[in-house]
Amino acid sequence: MAAKRPRFKRHRYRVGVRRVAQVQAWELLHPRCALERQLDLEEVRQMIQAGEEDLAREELLWLLEECPDMIAAHALLGQMALRNGDYSLARGHLGHAFRLGLRALKRAGDPIPVPYRLEANREFLESGRDLAVCLEAMGKPDLAAQVRKDLLRLDPSDPFGIRPLVRQWHQKHNGPDATPPAPKSA
């Protein structure tokens, strides 16, 4: 008897999405090119921990040449730029990482939840969290609030504790008695 083909086929270069039936949730399917470079990515993380950010940056840029939709590489570049106060560069990388995940979800019909507890979703959601911090630092609180609303819609369990920030922004713009609308359910 022939082996069953996997229901979800990974794209070589593009981020996808699949349903995880055991937990009734959705997770990102990172492209094959990203999975093939996990050892390189681990080396980069070690470089960053050792304080070798210039070398890590070069390696990450090389990884992105080989795999442009590698969310983890964009996330790490954005986090380094954010730590160094280069908000424009941070916004570019973090925004791109977050957008890659959002596009994949849109192609799949915007399924939710996309929980942080699933490993494949973490760098995507962390990119959104860090993007919101970056946008606040750039004086763009409305954009930061939209990113945080997206994060709450994707994972209503609020793993980053941002619900009070969204509520505060909503009340500032809609009056002190206003409460933000509840996230849409699946």
N, C-alpha and C. Protein backbone atom coordinates (compact mmCIF):
# COMPACT_ATOMS: atom_id res chain seq x y z
N MET A 1 0.84 -1.17 0.00
CA MET A 1 0.00 0.00 0.00
C MET A 1 0.90 1.25 0.00
N ALA A 2 0.56 2.19 -0.83
CA ALA A 2 1.35 3.42 -0.94
C ALA A 2 1.18 4.29 0.30
N ALA A 3 2.24 4.99 0.64
CA ALA A 3 2.18 5.89 1.80
C ALA A 3 1.26 7.06 1.49
N LYS A 4 0.57 7.52 2.53
CA LYS A 4 -0.33 8.66 2.38
C LYS A 4 0.48 9.92 2.15
N ARG A 5 0.01 10.74 1.24
CA ARG A 5 0.66 12.03 1.00
C ARG A 5 0.24 12.99 2.10
N PRO A 6 1.14 13.86 2.53
CA PRO A 6 0.75 14.83 3.55
C PRO A 6 -0.35 15.74 3.02
N ARG A 7 -1.26 16.09 3.90
CA ARG A 7 -2.40 16.91 3.51
C ARG A 7 -1.96 18.33 3.15
N PHE A 8 -0.96 18.82 3.85
CA PHE A 8 -0.48 20.17 3.61
C PHE A 8 0.95 20.08 3.10
N LYS A 9 1.16 20.56 1.92
CA LYS A 9 2.49 20.54 1.34
C LYS A 9 3.16 21.89 1.57
N ARG A 10 4.37 21.84 2.09
CA ARG A 10 5.13 23.07 2.31
C ARG A 10 5.59 23.63 0.98
N HIS A 11 5.47 24.92 0.87
CA HIS A 11 5.97 25.62 -0.30
C HIS A 11 7.47 25.80 -0.14
N ARG A 12 8.18 25.83 -1.21
CA ARG A 12 9.64 25.98 -1.16
C ARG A 12 10.05 27.32 -0.54
N TYR A 13 9.37 28.41 -0.92
CA TYR A 13 9.79 29.74 -0.49
C TYR A 13 8.73 30.55 0.23
N ARG A 14 7.51 30.10 0.29
CA ARG A 14 6.42 30.91 0.81
C ARG A 14 5.84 30.33 2.11
N VAL A 15 5.44 31.22 3.01
CA VAL A 15 4.82 30.82 4.27
C VAL A 15 3.40 30.34 3.98
N GLY A 16 3.01 29.25 4.62
CA GLY A 16 1.66 28.72 4.49
C GLY A 16 1.01 28.58 5.87
N VAL A 17 -0.15 27.92 5.90
CA VAL A 17 -0.91 27.75 7.14
C VAL A 17 -1.51 26.35 7.14
N ARG A 18 -1.60 25.75 8.32
CA ARG A 18 -2.32 24.48 8.43
C ARG A 18 -3.08 24.44 9.75
N ARG A 19 -4.13 23.65 9.75
CA ARG A 19 -4.95 23.47 10.94
C ARG A 19 -4.34 22.37 11.80
N VAL A 20 -4.28 22.61 13.10
CA VAL A 20 -3.79 21.61 14.04
C VAL A 20 -5.02 21.10 14.79
N ALA A 21 -5.54 19.99 14.35
CA ALA A 21 -6.82 19.49 14.87
C ALA A 21 -6.77 19.18 16.37
N GLN A 22 -5.63 18.68 16.86
CA GLN A 22 -5.53 18.29 18.26
C GLN A 22 -5.80 19.46 19.21
N VAL A 23 -5.45 20.66 18.80
CA VAL A 23 -5.63 21.83 19.67
C VAL A 23 -6.64 22.83 19.10
N GLN A 24 -7.31 22.44 18.03
CA GLN A 24 -8.30 23.30 17.38
C GLN A 24 -7.76 24.70 17.15
N ALA A 25 -6.63 24.75 16.43
CA ALA A 25 -5.97 26.02 16.17
C ALA A 25 -5.25 25.93 14.83
N TRP A 26 -4.60 27.01 14.47
CA TRP A 26 -3.87 27.11 13.21
C TRP A 26 -2.42 27.46 13.50
N GLU A 27 -1.55 26.96 12.63
CA GLU A 27 -0.13 27.29 12.76
C GLU A 27 0.45 27.60 11.40
N LEU A 28 1.49 28.42 11.43
CA LEU A 28 2.17 28.75 10.20
C LEU A 28 3.01 27.56 9.75
N LEU A 29 3.07 27.38 8.45
CA LEU A 29 3.96 26.40 7.83
C LEU A 29 5.10 27.21 7.22
N HIS A 30 6.24 27.16 7.83
CA HIS A 30 7.37 27.92 7.31
C HIS A 30 7.88 27.23 6.04
N PRO A 31 8.38 28.00 5.10
CA PRO A 31 8.82 27.41 3.83
C PRO A 31 9.97 26.43 4.03
N ARG A 32 10.09 25.51 3.09
CA ARG A 32 11.16 24.51 3.17
C ARG A 32 12.54 25.16 3.25
N CYS A 33 12.72 26.27 2.54
CA CYS A 33 14.03 26.93 2.57
C CYS A 33 14.38 27.39 3.99
N ALA A 34 13.38 27.75 4.78
CA ALA A 34 13.64 28.17 6.16
C ALA A 34 13.98 26.97 7.04
N LEU A 35 13.26 25.88 6.84
CA LEU A 35 13.53 24.68 7.64
C LEU A 35 14.93 24.12 7.35
N GLU A 36 15.35 24.23 6.09
CA GLU A 36 16.66 23.71 5.70
C GLU A 36 17.80 24.53 6.31
N ARG A 37 17.49 25.71 6.83
CA ARG A 37 18.53 26.59 7.36
C ARG A 37 18.44 26.78 8.88
N GLN A 38 17.81 25.85 9.56
CA GLN A 38 17.66 25.96 11.01
C GLN A 38 18.99 25.91 11.75
N LEU A 39 19.93 25.11 11.27
CA LEU A 39 21.25 25.06 11.92
C LEU A 39 21.96 26.40 11.78
N ASP A 40 21.85 27.01 10.61
CA ASP A 40 22.44 28.34 10.41
C ASP A 40 21.81 29.35 11.36
N LEU A 41 20.51 29.26 11.52
CA LEU A 41 19.80 30.18 12.40
C LEU A 41 20.23 30.00 13.86
N GLU A 42 20.46 28.76 14.27
CA GLU A 42 20.95 28.50 15.64
C GLU A 42 22.33 29.12 15.84
N GLU A 43 23.17 29.01 14.82
CA GLU A 43 24.50 29.64 14.90
C GLU A 43 24.37 31.15 15.06
N VAL A 44 23.43 31.75 14.34
CA VAL A 44 23.21 33.19 14.43
C VAL A 44 22.78 33.56 15.85
N ARG A 45 21.89 32.79 16.43
CA ARG A 45 21.45 33.07 17.80
C ARG A 45 22.62 33.00 18.78
N GLN A 46 23.52 32.05 18.57
CA GLN A 46 24.71 31.95 19.41
C GLN A 46 25.63 33.17 19.22
N MET A 47 25.73 33.64 17.98
CA MET A 47 26.54 34.84 17.70
C MET A 47 25.97 36.05 18.45
N ILE A 48 24.65 36.17 18.42
CA ILE A 48 24.00 37.30 19.09
C ILE A 48 24.24 37.22 20.59
N GLN A 49 24.10 36.02 21.16
CA GLN A 49 24.35 35.85 22.60
C GLN A 49 25.79 36.17 22.96
N ALA A 50 26.71 35.90 22.04
CA ALA A 50 28.13 36.17 22.29
C ALA A 50 28.49 37.62 22.01
N GLY A 51 27.50 38.43 21.60
CA GLY A 51 27.75 39.84 21.34
C GLY A 51 28.33 40.13 19.97
N GLU A 52 28.28 39.17 19.07
CA GLU A 52 28.82 39.33 17.72
C GLU A 52 27.70 39.73 16.75
N GLU A 53 27.07 40.88 17.01
CA GLU A 53 25.91 41.28 16.22
C GLU A 53 26.24 41.60 14.77
N ASP A 54 27.42 42.17 14.51
CA ASP A 54 27.78 42.48 13.11
C ASP A 54 27.87 41.20 12.28
N LEU A 55 28.52 40.20 12.82
CA LEU A 55 28.64 38.91 12.12
C LEU A 55 27.26 38.26 11.98
N ALA A 56 26.47 38.33 13.03
CA ALA A 56 25.11 37.76 12.99
C ALA A 56 24.27 38.46 11.92
N ARG A 57 24.39 39.77 11.84
CA ARG A 57 23.64 40.55 10.84
C ARG A 57 24.01 40.11 9.42
N GLU A 58 25.30 39.95 9.17
CA GLU A 58 25.74 39.50 7.84
C GLU A 58 25.18 38.12 7.52
N GLU A 59 25.22 37.23 8.49
CA GLU A 59 24.70 35.87 8.28
C GLU A 59 23.19 35.90 8.01
N LEU A 60 22.47 36.73 8.75
CA LEU A 60 21.02 36.82 8.55
C LEU A 60 20.69 37.38 7.17
N LEU A 61 21.44 38.36 6.73
CA LEU A 61 21.20 38.91 5.39
C LEU A 61 21.48 37.87 4.32
N TRP A 62 22.51 37.05 4.53
CA TRP A 62 22.78 35.96 3.60
C TRP A 62 21.62 34.95 3.62
N LEU A 63 21.12 34.64 4.80
CA LEU A 63 19.99 33.71 4.89
C LEU A 63 18.78 34.25 4.13
N LEU A 64 18.54 35.55 4.22
CA LEU A 64 17.40 36.14 3.52
C LEU A 64 17.59 36.16 2.01
N GLU A 65 18.84 36.22 1.54
CA GLU A 65 19.08 36.09 0.10
C GLU A 65 18.64 34.71 -0.38
N GLU A 66 18.89 33.71 0.44
CA GLU A 66 18.55 32.34 0.09
C GLU A 66 17.08 32.01 0.34
N CYS A 67 16.49 32.71 1.32
CA CYS A 67 15.11 32.40 1.73
C CYS A 67 14.42 33.69 2.18
N PRO A 68 13.89 34.47 1.23
CA PRO A 68 13.34 35.79 1.54
C PRO A 68 12.16 35.79 2.52
N ASP A 69 11.43 34.69 2.62
CA ASP A 69 10.27 34.64 3.52
C ASP A 69 10.59 33.97 4.85
N MET A 70 11.83 34.04 5.28
CA MET A 70 12.24 33.43 6.55
C MET A 70 11.89 34.40 7.68
N ILE A 71 10.74 34.17 8.29
CA ILE A 71 10.23 35.06 9.33
C ILE A 71 11.25 35.22 10.46
N ALA A 72 11.89 34.14 10.85
CA ALA A 72 12.84 34.18 11.97
C ALA A 72 14.01 35.13 11.68
N ALA A 73 14.51 35.13 10.46
CA ALA A 73 15.63 36.01 10.11
C ALA A 73 15.21 37.48 10.16
N HIS A 74 14.03 37.77 9.61
CA HIS A 74 13.53 39.15 9.68
C HIS A 74 13.30 39.56 11.13
N ALA A 75 12.75 38.64 11.93
CA ALA A 75 12.47 38.94 13.34
C ALA A 75 13.77 39.26 14.09
N LEU A 76 14.79 38.46 13.89
CA LEU A 76 16.06 38.70 14.59
C LEU A 76 16.71 40.01 14.14
N LEU A 77 16.69 40.29 12.84
CA LEU A 77 17.24 41.57 12.37
C LEU A 77 16.46 42.74 12.96
N GLY A 78 15.15 42.61 13.00
CA GLY A 78 14.32 43.67 13.58
C GLY A 78 14.56 43.85 15.06
N GLN A 79 14.71 42.76 15.79
CA GLN A 79 14.96 42.86 17.23
C GLN A 79 16.31 43.51 17.50
N MET A 80 17.32 43.17 16.70
CA MET A 80 18.64 43.80 16.89
C MET A 80 18.55 45.30 16.60
N ALA A 81 17.86 45.66 15.53
CA ALA A 81 17.72 47.08 15.19
C ALA A 81 16.94 47.82 16.28
N LEU A 82 15.91 47.19 16.83
CA LEU A 82 15.12 47.80 17.89
C LEU A 82 15.99 48.04 19.13
N ARG A 83 16.79 47.05 19.50
CA ARG A 83 17.70 47.21 20.65
C ARG A 83 18.70 48.34 20.44
N ASN A 84 19.10 48.54 19.19
CA ASN A 84 20.09 49.57 18.87
C ASN A 84 19.46 50.92 18.55
N GLY A 85 18.14 51.02 18.68
CA GLY A 85 17.46 52.30 18.46
C GLY A 85 17.29 52.69 17.01
N ASP A 86 17.51 51.76 16.09
CA ASP A 86 17.30 52.03 14.66
C ASP A 86 15.87 51.63 14.33
N TYR A 87 14.94 52.53 14.66
CA TYR A 87 13.52 52.21 14.56
C TYR A 87 13.05 52.02 13.12
N SER A 88 13.64 52.74 12.20
CA SER A 88 13.23 52.61 10.81
C SER A 88 13.58 51.20 10.29
N LEU A 89 14.79 50.75 10.57
CA LEU A 89 15.20 49.41 10.15
C LEU A 89 14.39 48.35 10.90
N ALA A 90 14.19 48.57 12.19
CA ALA A 90 13.40 47.62 12.98
C ALA A 90 11.99 47.51 12.41
N ARG A 91 11.39 48.65 12.11
CA ARG A 91 10.03 48.63 11.54
C ARG A 91 9.99 47.85 10.23
N GLY A 92 11.01 48.03 9.41
CA GLY A 92 11.06 47.32 8.14
C GLY A 92 11.09 45.82 8.31
N HIS A 93 12.01 45.34 9.13
CA HIS A 93 12.14 43.88 9.30
C HIS A 93 10.99 43.29 10.10
N LEU A 94 10.64 43.92 11.20
CA LEU A 94 9.55 43.38 12.03
C LEU A 94 8.22 43.46 11.27
N GLY A 95 8.03 44.57 10.56
CA GLY A 95 6.80 44.71 9.77
C GLY A 95 6.72 43.66 8.68
N HIS A 96 7.85 43.39 8.03
CA HIS A 96 7.84 42.38 6.98
C HIS A 96 7.57 40.99 7.55
N ALA A 97 8.20 40.66 8.66
CA ALA A 97 7.97 39.35 9.29
C ALA A 97 6.50 39.19 9.66
N PHE A 98 5.91 40.23 10.25
CA PHE A 98 4.50 40.16 10.65
C PHE A 98 3.61 40.07 9.41
N ARG A 99 3.93 40.84 8.39
CA ARG A 99 3.14 40.84 7.16
C ARG A 99 3.19 39.48 6.46
N LEU A 100 4.35 38.81 6.50
CA LEU A 100 4.45 37.48 5.88
C LEU A 100 3.44 36.52 6.49
N GLY A 101 3.34 36.54 7.81
CA GLY A 101 2.37 35.68 8.48
C GLY A 101 0.93 36.09 8.17
N LEU A 102 0.67 37.40 8.20
CA LEU A 102 -0.69 37.88 7.92
C LEU A 102 -1.12 37.52 6.50
N ARG A 103 -0.20 37.63 5.54
CA ARG A 103 -0.53 37.27 4.16
C ARG A 103 -0.87 35.79 4.04
N ALA A 104 -0.08 34.95 4.69
CA ALA A 104 -0.35 33.51 4.65
C ALA A 104 -1.72 33.22 5.24
N LEU A 105 -2.04 33.87 6.34
CA LEU A 105 -3.35 33.67 6.97
C LEU A 105 -4.47 34.17 6.06
N LYS A 106 -4.26 35.29 5.41
CA LYS A 106 -5.28 35.83 4.50
C LYS A 106 -5.53 34.86 3.35
N ARG A 107 -4.46 34.30 2.78
CA ARG A 107 -4.63 33.33 1.68
C ARG A 107 -5.44 32.12 2.15
N ALA A 108 -5.36 31.80 3.44
CA ALA A 108 -6.07 30.64 3.99
C ALA A 108 -7.47 31.00 4.49
N GLY A 109 -7.90 32.26 4.30
CA GLY A 109 -9.24 32.67 4.74
C GLY A 109 -9.28 33.28 6.13
N ASP A 110 -8.15 33.77 6.63
CA ASP A 110 -8.05 34.40 7.96
C ASP A 110 -8.55 33.51 9.10
N PRO A 111 -8.01 32.30 9.21
CA PRO A 111 -8.43 31.41 10.30
C PRO A 111 -7.87 31.87 11.65
N ILE A 112 -8.63 31.62 12.70
CA ILE A 112 -8.18 31.88 14.07
C ILE A 112 -8.67 30.75 14.95
N PRO A 113 -8.05 30.52 16.08
CA PRO A 113 -6.89 31.22 16.63
C PRO A 113 -5.58 30.73 16.03
N VAL A 114 -4.56 31.57 16.19
CA VAL A 114 -3.19 31.29 15.80
C VAL A 114 -2.36 31.46 17.07
N PRO A 115 -2.41 30.47 17.96
CA PRO A 115 -1.88 30.66 19.31
C PRO A 115 -0.35 30.67 19.40
N TYR A 116 0.11 31.48 20.31
CA TYR A 116 1.53 31.61 20.61
C TYR A 116 2.08 30.29 21.16
N ARG A 117 1.27 29.51 21.79
CA ARG A 117 1.76 28.27 22.41
C ARG A 117 2.26 27.26 21.36
N LEU A 118 1.88 27.43 20.09
CA LEU A 118 2.40 26.58 19.03
C LEU A 118 3.72 27.18 18.53
N GLU A 119 4.76 26.42 18.61
CA GLU A 119 6.12 26.88 18.29
C GLU A 119 6.21 27.59 16.94
N ALA A 120 5.54 27.08 15.94
CA ALA A 120 5.63 27.65 14.59
C ALA A 120 5.07 29.07 14.50
N ASN A 121 4.27 29.48 15.48
CA ASN A 121 3.66 30.82 15.45
C ASN A 121 4.45 31.86 16.23
N ARG A 122 5.39 31.44 17.02
CA ARG A 122 6.02 32.34 17.99
C ARG A 122 6.76 33.52 17.37
N GLU A 123 7.65 33.27 16.41
CA GLU A 123 8.43 34.38 15.85
C GLU A 123 7.53 35.37 15.11
N PHE A 124 6.48 34.86 14.48
CA PHE A 124 5.51 35.72 13.81
C PHE A 124 4.82 36.63 14.81
N LEU A 125 4.29 36.05 15.88
CA LEU A 125 3.58 36.84 16.88
C LEU A 125 4.52 37.76 17.66
N GLU A 126 5.73 37.29 17.96
CA GLU A 126 6.72 38.15 18.63
C GLU A 126 7.09 39.34 17.74
N SER A 127 7.13 39.12 16.43
CA SER A 127 7.41 40.21 15.51
C SER A 127 6.32 41.27 15.59
N GLY A 128 5.07 40.84 15.71
CA GLY A 128 3.98 41.79 15.87
C GLY A 128 4.10 42.56 17.17
N ARG A 129 4.41 41.86 18.25
CA ARG A 129 4.59 42.52 19.55
C ARG A 129 5.69 43.57 19.48
N ASP A 130 6.84 43.17 18.91
CA ASP A 130 7.98 44.09 18.82
C ASP A 130 7.71 45.22 17.83
N LEU A 131 6.95 44.93 16.77
CA LEU A 131 6.57 45.98 15.82
C LEU A 131 5.74 47.05 16.52
N ALA A 132 4.82 46.65 17.38
CA ALA A 132 4.00 47.62 18.12
C ALA A 132 4.88 48.49 19.02
N VAL A 133 5.85 47.89 19.68
CA VAL A 133 6.78 48.65 20.53
C VAL A 133 7.55 49.66 19.66
N CYS A 134 8.02 49.22 18.52
CA CYS A 134 8.76 50.07 17.60
C CYS A 134 7.89 51.24 17.12
N LEU A 135 6.66 50.95 16.73
CA LEU A 135 5.77 52.00 16.24
C LEU A 135 5.48 53.03 17.33
N GLU A 136 5.32 52.57 18.57
CA GLU A 136 5.14 53.51 19.69
C GLU A 136 6.36 54.41 19.82
N ALA A 137 7.55 53.82 19.72
CA ALA A 137 8.79 54.60 19.85
C ALA A 137 8.94 55.60 18.71
N MET A 138 8.34 55.30 17.56
CA MET A 138 8.40 56.19 16.41
C MET A 138 7.29 57.26 16.45
N GLY A 139 6.48 57.24 17.51
CA GLY A 139 5.40 58.22 17.61
C GLY A 139 4.20 57.87 16.74
N LYS A 140 3.95 56.59 16.52
CA LYS A 140 2.84 56.12 15.70
C LYS A 140 1.91 55.23 16.52
N PRO A 141 1.25 55.80 17.54
CA PRO A 141 0.44 54.98 18.44
C PRO A 141 -0.78 54.35 17.77
N ASP A 142 -1.33 54.99 16.76
CA ASP A 142 -2.50 54.40 16.08
C ASP A 142 -2.12 53.12 15.34
N LEU A 143 -0.97 53.14 14.67
CA LEU A 143 -0.50 51.93 13.98
C LEU A 143 -0.15 50.84 14.99
N ALA A 144 0.48 51.24 16.10
CA ALA A 144 0.82 50.28 17.15
C ALA A 144 -0.46 49.63 17.70
N ALA A 145 -1.49 50.43 17.89
CA ALA A 145 -2.77 49.91 18.41
C ALA A 145 -3.38 48.91 17.42
N GLN A 146 -3.28 49.19 16.13
CA GLN A 146 -3.83 48.26 15.13
C GLN A 146 -3.10 46.93 15.16
N VAL A 147 -1.77 46.98 15.29
CA VAL A 147 -0.99 45.74 15.36
C VAL A 147 -1.40 44.95 16.61
N ARG A 148 -1.56 45.66 17.74
CA ARG A 148 -1.96 44.96 18.97
C ARG A 148 -3.36 44.36 18.85
N LYS A 149 -4.26 45.05 18.17
CA LYS A 149 -5.60 44.49 17.93
C LYS A 149 -5.50 43.23 17.09
N ASP A 150 -4.65 43.27 16.07
CA ASP A 150 -4.43 42.07 15.25
C ASP A 150 -3.91 40.92 16.09
N LEU A 151 -2.96 41.22 16.99
CA LEU A 151 -2.40 40.17 17.85
C LEU A 151 -3.48 39.55 18.74
N LEU A 152 -4.35 40.38 19.30
CA LEU A 152 -5.43 39.86 20.15
C LEU A 152 -6.44 39.05 19.35
N ARG A 153 -6.69 39.46 18.12
CA ARG A 153 -7.61 38.71 17.26
C ARG A 153 -7.00 37.35 16.94
N LEU A 154 -5.71 37.32 16.67
CA LEU A 154 -5.05 36.07 16.31
C LEU A 154 -4.93 35.12 17.50
N ASP A 155 -4.60 35.67 18.66
CA ASP A 155 -4.47 34.84 19.86
C ASP A 155 -5.17 35.54 21.03
N PRO A 156 -6.47 35.29 21.19
CA PRO A 156 -7.24 35.95 22.24
C PRO A 156 -6.76 35.65 23.66
N SER A 157 -5.88 34.66 23.83
CA SER A 157 -5.37 34.36 25.18
C SER A 157 -4.42 35.45 25.67
N ASP A 158 -4.02 36.36 24.80
CA ASP A 158 -3.19 37.53 25.15
C ASP A 158 -1.88 37.12 25.83
N PRO A 159 -1.02 36.36 25.12
CA PRO A 159 0.22 35.90 25.74
C PRO A 159 1.20 37.02 26.09
N PHE A 160 1.03 38.20 25.49
CA PHE A 160 1.95 39.31 25.75
C PHE A 160 1.37 40.33 26.73
N GLY A 161 0.16 40.11 27.22
CA GLY A 161 -0.45 41.03 28.17
C GLY A 161 -0.73 42.41 27.59
N ILE A 162 -1.17 42.46 26.35
CA ILE A 162 -1.39 43.76 25.69
C ILE A 162 -2.83 44.24 25.75
N ARG A 163 -3.73 43.42 26.23
CA ARG A 163 -5.14 43.83 26.27
C ARG A 163 -5.35 45.17 26.97
N PRO A 164 -4.68 45.45 28.12
CA PRO A 164 -4.86 46.77 28.76
C PRO A 164 -4.41 47.92 27.87
N LEU A 165 -3.37 47.72 27.07
CA LEU A 165 -2.91 48.78 26.16
C LEU A 165 -3.95 49.05 25.07
N VAL A 166 -4.56 47.99 24.56
CA VAL A 166 -5.60 48.15 23.54
C VAL A 166 -6.81 48.86 24.15
N ARG A 167 -7.18 48.45 25.35
CA ARG A 167 -8.32 49.08 26.04
C ARG A 167 -8.05 50.57 26.28
N GLN A 168 -6.84 50.87 26.74
CA GLN A 168 -6.46 52.26 27.01
C GLN A 168 -6.53 53.09 25.72
N TRP A 169 -6.00 52.57 24.62
CA TRP A 169 -6.04 53.30 23.36
C TRP A 169 -7.48 53.50 22.92
N HIS A 170 -8.29 52.44 23.02
CA HIS A 170 -9.70 52.52 22.59
C HIS A 170 -10.45 53.56 23.40
N GLN A 171 -10.24 53.60 24.71
CA GLN A 171 -10.93 54.57 25.56
C GLN A 171 -10.48 55.99 25.27
N LYS A 172 -9.21 56.15 24.97
CA LYS A 172 -8.69 57.48 24.64
C LYS A 172 -9.36 58.03 23.38
N HIS A 173 -9.64 57.14 22.43
CA HIS A 173 -10.20 57.58 21.16
C HIS A 173 -11.73 57.48 21.10
N ASN A 174 -12.34 56.78 22.05
CA ASN A 174 -13.79 56.58 22.00
C ASN A 174 -14.50 56.96 23.29
N GLY A 175 -13.82 57.57 24.22
CA GLY A 175 -14.43 57.98 25.48
C GLY A 175 -14.08 57.03 26.60
N PRO A 176 -14.10 57.52 27.84
CA PRO A 176 -13.67 56.72 29.00
C PRO A 176 -14.56 55.52 29.30
N ASP A 177 -15.81 55.54 28.88
CA ASP A 177 -16.70 54.41 29.17
C ASP A 177 -16.71 53.37 28.06
N ALA A 178 -15.98 53.63 26.99
CA ALA A 178 -15.96 52.72 25.85
C ALA A 178 -15.10 51.50 26.15
N THR A 179 -15.55 50.38 25.68
CA THR A 179 -14.75 49.16 25.77
C THR A 179 -14.51 48.67 24.35
N PRO A 180 -13.33 48.14 24.11
CA PRO A 180 -13.04 47.68 22.74
C PRO A 180 -13.93 46.50 22.39
N PRO A 181 -14.25 46.36 21.11
CA PRO A 181 -15.07 45.22 20.70
C PRO A 181 -14.33 43.92 20.97
N ALA A 182 -15.08 42.89 21.29
CA ALA A 182 -14.50 41.58 21.54
C ALA A 182 -13.91 41.05 20.23
N PRO A 183 -12.80 40.29 20.31
CA PRO A 183 -12.24 39.71 19.09
C PRO A 183 -13.25 38.80 18.42
N LYS A 184 -13.23 38.78 17.10
CA LYS A 184 -14.12 37.90 16.35
C LYS A 184 -13.71 36.45 16.61
N SER A 185 -14.67 35.60 16.77
CA SER A 185 -14.35 34.19 17.01
C SER A 185 -14.29 33.46 15.67
N ALA A 186 -13.75 32.26 15.74
CA ALA A 186 -13.56 31.47 14.51
C ALA A 186 -14.87 31.12 13.86
